[in-house]
Structure formats: C-alpha cells, structure tokens
N, C-alpha and C. Protein backbone atom coordinates (compact mmCIF):
# COMPACT_ATOMS: atom_id res chain seq x y z
N HIS A 1 0.82 -1.20 0.00
CA HIS A 1 0.00 0.00 0.00
C HIS A 1 0.86 1.26 0.00
N ILE A 2 1.96 1.21 0.70
CA ILE A 2 2.86 2.37 0.71
C ILE A 2 3.44 2.59 -0.68
N PHE A 3 3.64 1.50 -1.42
CA PHE A 3 4.14 1.62 -2.79
C PHE A 3 3.17 2.42 -3.65
N HIS A 4 1.87 2.12 -3.53
CA HIS A 4 0.87 2.83 -4.31
C HIS A 4 0.84 4.31 -3.96
N LEU A 5 0.96 4.61 -2.68
CA LEU A 5 0.97 6.01 -2.25
C LEU A 5 2.17 6.75 -2.84
N ASN A 6 3.33 6.10 -2.84
CA ASN A 6 4.53 6.72 -3.41
C ASN A 6 4.39 6.95 -4.90
N VAL A 7 3.75 6.02 -5.60
CA VAL A 7 3.52 6.19 -7.03
C VAL A 7 2.60 7.40 -7.26
N ILE A 8 1.58 7.52 -6.45
CA ILE A 8 0.65 8.66 -6.57
C ILE A 8 1.39 9.98 -6.35
N VAL A 9 2.25 10.02 -5.34
CA VAL A 9 3.02 11.24 -5.05
C VAL A 9 3.89 11.61 -6.24
N VAL A 10 4.61 10.65 -6.80
CA VAL A 10 5.47 10.92 -7.95
C VAL A 10 4.65 11.42 -9.14
N VAL A 11 3.51 10.80 -9.39
CA VAL A 11 2.65 11.21 -10.50
C VAL A 11 2.15 12.65 -10.28
N LEU A 12 1.76 12.98 -9.06
CA LEU A 12 1.32 14.35 -8.76
C LEU A 12 2.46 15.35 -8.99
N TRP A 13 3.68 14.99 -8.56
CA TRP A 13 4.82 15.88 -8.77
C TRP A 13 5.08 16.09 -10.25
N ILE A 14 4.96 15.04 -11.04
CA ILE A 14 5.25 15.13 -12.48
C ILE A 14 4.19 15.95 -13.21
N TYR A 15 2.91 15.69 -12.93
CA TYR A 15 1.84 16.32 -13.70
C TYR A 15 1.35 17.65 -13.13
N PHE A 16 1.47 17.84 -11.82
CA PHE A 16 0.96 19.07 -11.21
C PHE A 16 2.04 19.88 -10.50
N SER A 17 3.26 19.35 -10.46
CA SER A 17 4.39 19.99 -9.77
C SER A 17 4.16 20.16 -8.28
N ALA A 18 3.19 19.42 -7.73
CA ALA A 18 2.89 19.56 -6.30
C ALA A 18 1.96 18.46 -5.84
N THR A 19 1.94 18.25 -4.53
CA THR A 19 0.95 17.40 -3.89
C THR A 19 -0.21 18.30 -3.46
N PRO A 20 -1.34 17.75 -3.06
CA PRO A 20 -2.48 18.60 -2.69
C PRO A 20 -2.17 19.66 -1.63
N GLY A 21 -1.36 19.33 -0.65
CA GLY A 21 -0.99 20.32 0.37
C GLY A 21 -0.23 21.49 -0.21
N LYS A 22 0.72 21.20 -1.08
CA LYS A 22 1.48 22.27 -1.73
C LYS A 22 0.57 23.09 -2.65
N MET A 23 -0.35 22.41 -3.34
CA MET A 23 -1.29 23.13 -4.21
C MET A 23 -2.13 24.11 -3.40
N LEU A 24 -2.59 23.67 -2.25
CA LEU A 24 -3.40 24.51 -1.38
C LEU A 24 -2.66 25.77 -0.95
N LEU A 25 -1.36 25.62 -0.72
CA LEU A 25 -0.55 26.76 -0.29
C LEU A 25 0.07 27.54 -1.45
N GLY A 26 -0.20 27.10 -2.69
CA GLY A 26 0.33 27.80 -3.86
C GLY A 26 1.81 27.56 -4.07
N MET A 27 2.28 26.37 -3.72
CA MET A 27 3.68 26.02 -3.86
C MET A 27 3.83 25.00 -4.98
N ILE A 28 4.96 25.07 -5.68
CA ILE A 28 5.26 24.07 -6.71
C ILE A 28 6.72 23.64 -6.61
N ILE A 29 7.00 22.47 -7.15
CA ILE A 29 8.35 21.93 -7.18
C ILE A 29 8.87 22.12 -8.60
N VAL A 30 10.04 22.76 -8.74
CA VAL A 30 10.62 23.01 -10.05
C VAL A 30 12.08 22.59 -10.07
N ASP A 31 12.64 22.50 -11.28
CA ASP A 31 14.06 22.23 -11.45
C ASP A 31 14.85 23.40 -10.87
N ASP A 32 15.83 23.09 -10.06
CA ASP A 32 16.61 24.12 -9.37
C ASP A 32 17.38 25.04 -10.31
N LYS A 33 17.84 24.51 -11.42
CA LYS A 33 18.67 25.30 -12.34
C LYS A 33 17.84 26.11 -13.34
N THR A 34 16.76 25.51 -13.87
CA THR A 34 16.01 26.14 -14.96
C THR A 34 14.67 26.75 -14.54
N GLY A 35 14.11 26.27 -13.43
CA GLY A 35 12.78 26.73 -13.04
C GLY A 35 11.67 26.02 -13.79
N ASN A 36 12.03 25.07 -14.65
CA ASN A 36 11.04 24.29 -15.39
C ASN A 36 10.45 23.20 -14.51
N PRO A 37 9.33 22.61 -14.93
CA PRO A 37 8.79 21.48 -14.18
C PRO A 37 9.83 20.37 -14.06
N ILE A 38 9.75 19.60 -12.98
CA ILE A 38 10.73 18.55 -12.77
C ILE A 38 10.48 17.37 -13.72
N THR A 39 11.54 16.63 -13.98
CA THR A 39 11.45 15.46 -14.85
C THR A 39 11.00 14.25 -14.03
N THR A 40 10.66 13.19 -14.73
CA THR A 40 10.29 11.94 -14.06
C THR A 40 11.46 11.44 -13.21
N GLY A 41 12.66 11.53 -13.75
CA GLY A 41 13.85 11.12 -13.01
C GLY A 41 14.05 11.92 -11.74
N GLN A 42 13.84 13.22 -11.81
CA GLN A 42 13.98 14.06 -10.62
C GLN A 42 12.91 13.71 -9.59
N ALA A 43 11.70 13.42 -10.04
CA ALA A 43 10.62 13.08 -9.12
C ALA A 43 10.94 11.78 -8.38
N ILE A 44 11.45 10.81 -9.10
CA ILE A 44 11.80 9.53 -8.48
C ILE A 44 12.97 9.71 -7.51
N LYS A 45 13.99 10.45 -7.94
CA LYS A 45 15.13 10.72 -7.06
C LYS A 45 14.68 11.47 -5.81
N ARG A 46 13.81 12.45 -5.99
CA ARG A 46 13.32 13.25 -4.86
C ARG A 46 12.62 12.36 -3.84
N LEU A 47 11.83 11.43 -4.31
CA LEU A 47 11.13 10.52 -3.41
C LEU A 47 12.12 9.62 -2.66
N ILE A 48 13.07 9.05 -3.38
CA ILE A 48 14.07 8.18 -2.75
C ILE A 48 14.90 8.96 -1.73
N TYR A 49 15.35 10.14 -2.12
CA TYR A 49 16.17 10.95 -1.21
C TYR A 49 15.37 11.49 -0.04
N TYR A 50 14.05 11.57 -0.19
CA TYR A 50 13.20 12.03 0.90
C TYR A 50 13.38 11.14 2.13
N PHE A 51 13.50 9.84 1.90
CA PHE A 51 13.66 8.92 3.02
C PHE A 51 14.99 9.17 3.74
N PHE A 52 16.00 9.61 3.02
CA PHE A 52 17.28 9.96 3.65
C PHE A 52 17.18 11.28 4.40
N SER A 53 16.28 12.14 3.98
CA SER A 53 16.08 13.41 4.67
C SER A 53 15.42 13.22 6.03
N VAL A 54 14.47 12.30 6.08
CA VAL A 54 13.72 12.12 7.32
C VAL A 54 14.34 11.10 8.27
N ALA A 55 15.14 10.18 7.75
CA ALA A 55 15.67 9.09 8.57
C ALA A 55 16.51 9.57 9.76
N PRO A 56 17.52 10.40 9.56
CA PRO A 56 18.34 10.78 10.72
C PRO A 56 17.73 11.95 11.49
N LEU A 57 16.68 11.68 12.25
CA LEU A 57 16.04 12.69 13.11
C LEU A 57 15.55 13.93 12.36
N LEU A 58 15.11 13.73 11.15
CA LEU A 58 14.58 14.82 10.31
C LEU A 58 15.64 15.88 9.98
N LEU A 59 16.91 15.54 10.10
CA LEU A 59 17.97 16.52 9.85
C LEU A 59 17.93 17.07 8.43
N GLY A 60 17.57 16.22 7.46
CA GLY A 60 17.50 16.67 6.07
C GLY A 60 16.38 17.66 5.83
N ILE A 61 15.34 17.59 6.64
CA ILE A 61 14.23 18.54 6.55
C ILE A 61 14.63 19.86 7.21
N PHE A 62 15.23 19.78 8.40
CA PHE A 62 15.64 20.99 9.12
C PHE A 62 16.73 21.76 8.39
N TRP A 63 17.42 21.09 7.47
CA TRP A 63 18.49 21.75 6.72
C TRP A 63 17.98 22.97 5.97
N MET A 64 16.69 22.99 5.64
CA MET A 64 16.13 24.13 4.90
C MET A 64 16.34 25.44 5.66
N ASN A 65 16.49 25.39 6.95
CA ASN A 65 16.72 26.60 7.74
C ASN A 65 18.11 27.20 7.52
N PHE A 66 19.01 26.41 6.95
CA PHE A 66 20.38 26.87 6.72
C PHE A 66 20.72 27.08 5.26
N ASP A 67 19.88 26.58 4.36
CA ASP A 67 20.12 26.69 2.93
C ASP A 67 19.51 28.00 2.42
N LYS A 68 20.27 28.77 1.64
CA LYS A 68 19.77 30.08 1.19
C LYS A 68 18.57 29.97 0.26
N LYS A 69 18.40 28.82 -0.41
CA LYS A 69 17.23 28.61 -1.26
C LYS A 69 16.13 27.85 -0.53
N LYS A 70 16.33 27.59 0.77
CA LYS A 70 15.37 26.88 1.61
C LYS A 70 15.08 25.47 1.11
N ARG A 71 16.14 24.78 0.66
CA ARG A 71 16.00 23.42 0.15
C ARG A 71 16.33 22.40 1.24
N CYS A 72 15.58 21.30 1.25
CA CYS A 72 15.88 20.16 2.11
C CYS A 72 16.88 19.28 1.39
N PHE A 73 17.43 18.28 2.09
CA PHE A 73 18.41 17.39 1.46
C PHE A 73 17.87 16.76 0.18
N HIS A 74 16.61 16.31 0.21
CA HIS A 74 16.07 15.62 -0.97
C HIS A 74 15.96 16.57 -2.16
N ASP A 75 15.73 17.85 -1.92
CA ASP A 75 15.71 18.81 -3.01
C ASP A 75 17.11 19.07 -3.55
N ILE A 76 18.06 19.22 -2.67
CA ILE A 76 19.45 19.47 -3.09
C ILE A 76 19.95 18.29 -3.95
N LEU A 77 19.73 17.07 -3.46
CA LEU A 77 20.22 15.89 -4.16
C LEU A 77 19.49 15.62 -5.48
N ALA A 78 18.21 15.97 -5.55
CA ALA A 78 17.44 15.73 -6.78
C ALA A 78 17.50 16.91 -7.75
N GLY A 79 18.10 18.03 -7.33
CA GLY A 79 18.19 19.20 -8.20
C GLY A 79 16.86 19.92 -8.33
N THR A 80 16.08 19.93 -7.25
CA THR A 80 14.77 20.58 -7.27
C THR A 80 14.70 21.66 -6.20
N VAL A 81 13.68 22.50 -6.30
CA VAL A 81 13.44 23.51 -5.28
C VAL A 81 11.93 23.77 -5.23
N VAL A 82 11.42 24.03 -4.04
CA VAL A 82 10.00 24.35 -3.87
C VAL A 82 9.88 25.87 -3.83
N ILE A 83 8.99 26.40 -4.66
CA ILE A 83 8.80 27.86 -4.71
C ILE A 83 7.34 28.19 -4.49
N TYR A 84 7.10 29.43 -4.06
CA TYR A 84 5.73 29.93 -3.92
C TYR A 84 5.33 30.60 -5.23
N THR A 85 4.12 30.34 -5.66
CA THR A 85 3.59 30.98 -6.86
C THR A 85 2.78 32.20 -6.44
N GLU A 86 2.28 32.94 -7.41
CA GLU A 86 1.44 34.09 -7.09
C GLU A 86 0.10 33.66 -6.51
N LYS A 87 -0.23 32.37 -6.59
CA LYS A 87 -1.46 31.84 -6.00
C LYS A 87 -1.27 31.56 -4.52
N SER A 88 -0.04 31.66 -4.05
CA SER A 88 0.28 31.35 -2.66
C SER A 88 -0.44 32.28 -1.71
N ILE A 89 -0.94 31.72 -0.64
CA ILE A 89 -1.56 32.53 0.39
C ILE A 89 -0.53 33.50 0.98
N TYR A 90 0.72 33.07 1.05
CA TYR A 90 1.78 33.94 1.58
C TYR A 90 2.03 35.11 0.64
N HIS A 91 2.00 34.86 -0.65
CA HIS A 91 2.19 35.92 -1.63
C HIS A 91 1.07 36.95 -1.52
N LYS A 92 -0.16 36.48 -1.42
CA LYS A 92 -1.30 37.38 -1.32
C LYS A 92 -1.23 38.25 -0.07
N VAL A 93 -0.85 37.65 1.06
CA VAL A 93 -0.72 38.41 2.30
C VAL A 93 0.40 39.44 2.19
N ALA A 94 1.52 39.04 1.60
CA ALA A 94 2.65 39.96 1.45
C ALA A 94 2.27 41.14 0.56
N VAL A 95 1.55 40.89 -0.54
CA VAL A 95 1.13 41.98 -1.43
C VAL A 95 0.17 42.91 -0.71
N LYS A 96 -0.79 42.38 0.02
CA LYS A 96 -1.73 43.22 0.76
C LYS A 96 -1.01 44.08 1.79
N TYR A 97 -0.05 43.47 2.49
CA TYR A 97 0.71 44.19 3.50
C TYR A 97 1.55 45.30 2.86
N ALA A 98 2.19 44.99 1.74
CA ALA A 98 3.00 45.99 1.04
C ALA A 98 2.12 47.14 0.56
N ASN A 99 0.94 46.81 0.05
CA ASN A 99 0.02 47.85 -0.40
C ASN A 99 -0.46 48.71 0.77
N LEU A 100 -0.71 48.08 1.89
CA LEU A 100 -1.12 48.82 3.09
C LEU A 100 -0.04 49.81 3.50
N LEU A 101 1.20 49.34 3.50
CA LEU A 101 2.32 50.20 3.89
C LEU A 101 2.52 51.35 2.92
N SER A 102 2.26 51.11 1.64
CA SER A 102 2.47 52.15 0.64
C SER A 102 1.25 53.05 0.47
N GLY A 103 0.14 52.72 1.12
CA GLY A 103 -1.05 53.55 1.04
C GLY A 103 -1.98 53.19 -0.12
N LYS A 104 -1.66 52.14 -0.88
CA LYS A 104 -2.53 51.71 -1.97
C LYS A 104 -3.73 50.98 -1.40
N LYS A 105 -4.85 51.05 -2.11
CA LYS A 105 -6.06 50.40 -1.64
C LYS A 105 -6.17 48.96 -2.07
N LYS A 106 -5.51 48.57 -3.15
CA LYS A 106 -5.64 47.20 -3.67
C LYS A 106 -5.01 46.19 -2.78
C-alpha cells in the first residue's frame, strides 16, 4: 500500500508539480537550475532521497533553515526547489501588507 501512495506522489509531482498540500498553499516543485517542471527522473530521485532526509532525526528537513534557497536534502540531491507561486496565500498576504504600507487600496 505504501508503494501505491509513493507512485501517486510521484505522478502528482510530475503532472501538477505539487501534492495537494502544496497546491493549497500555492507552492510548486521546479528544477533548481532552470525553473522548469521537474522530470520523471527528478521526481523519483526526490522521493528516494526524501527517506534519507527524514531518517536521521529529520535533519534533512531541518536543513532548509540553513540553505539560502530553503532546500531540504532531498531537493538538493534531486536538483529541485520548492517555490511559492502568485497563487500562494503567503504571496497574497505579502502583497496586501506591502500595499497597506504604501497607502494603496488594492
């Protein structure tokens, strides 16, 4: 059953550049060098390397706090990066806040 779930995750990454949680937050996974959608190979590598990120006390996940691009180990090793799109709730809040500070109504 875990195999089927992993296949679903890889398919979502390939066709939608995100899982449902990332979609909800307006985040996508892209190639670190080009910004293009990730390849099938990158998606598979990202999944495999994900287990190495979480295995040693989640150290690979916490690494994002020290990486200037906010990448976890699995992103660094697979050549991917997670970015916020303009659909991101964070982007919308930041724009509203910036407009408030500048006196714009939008």
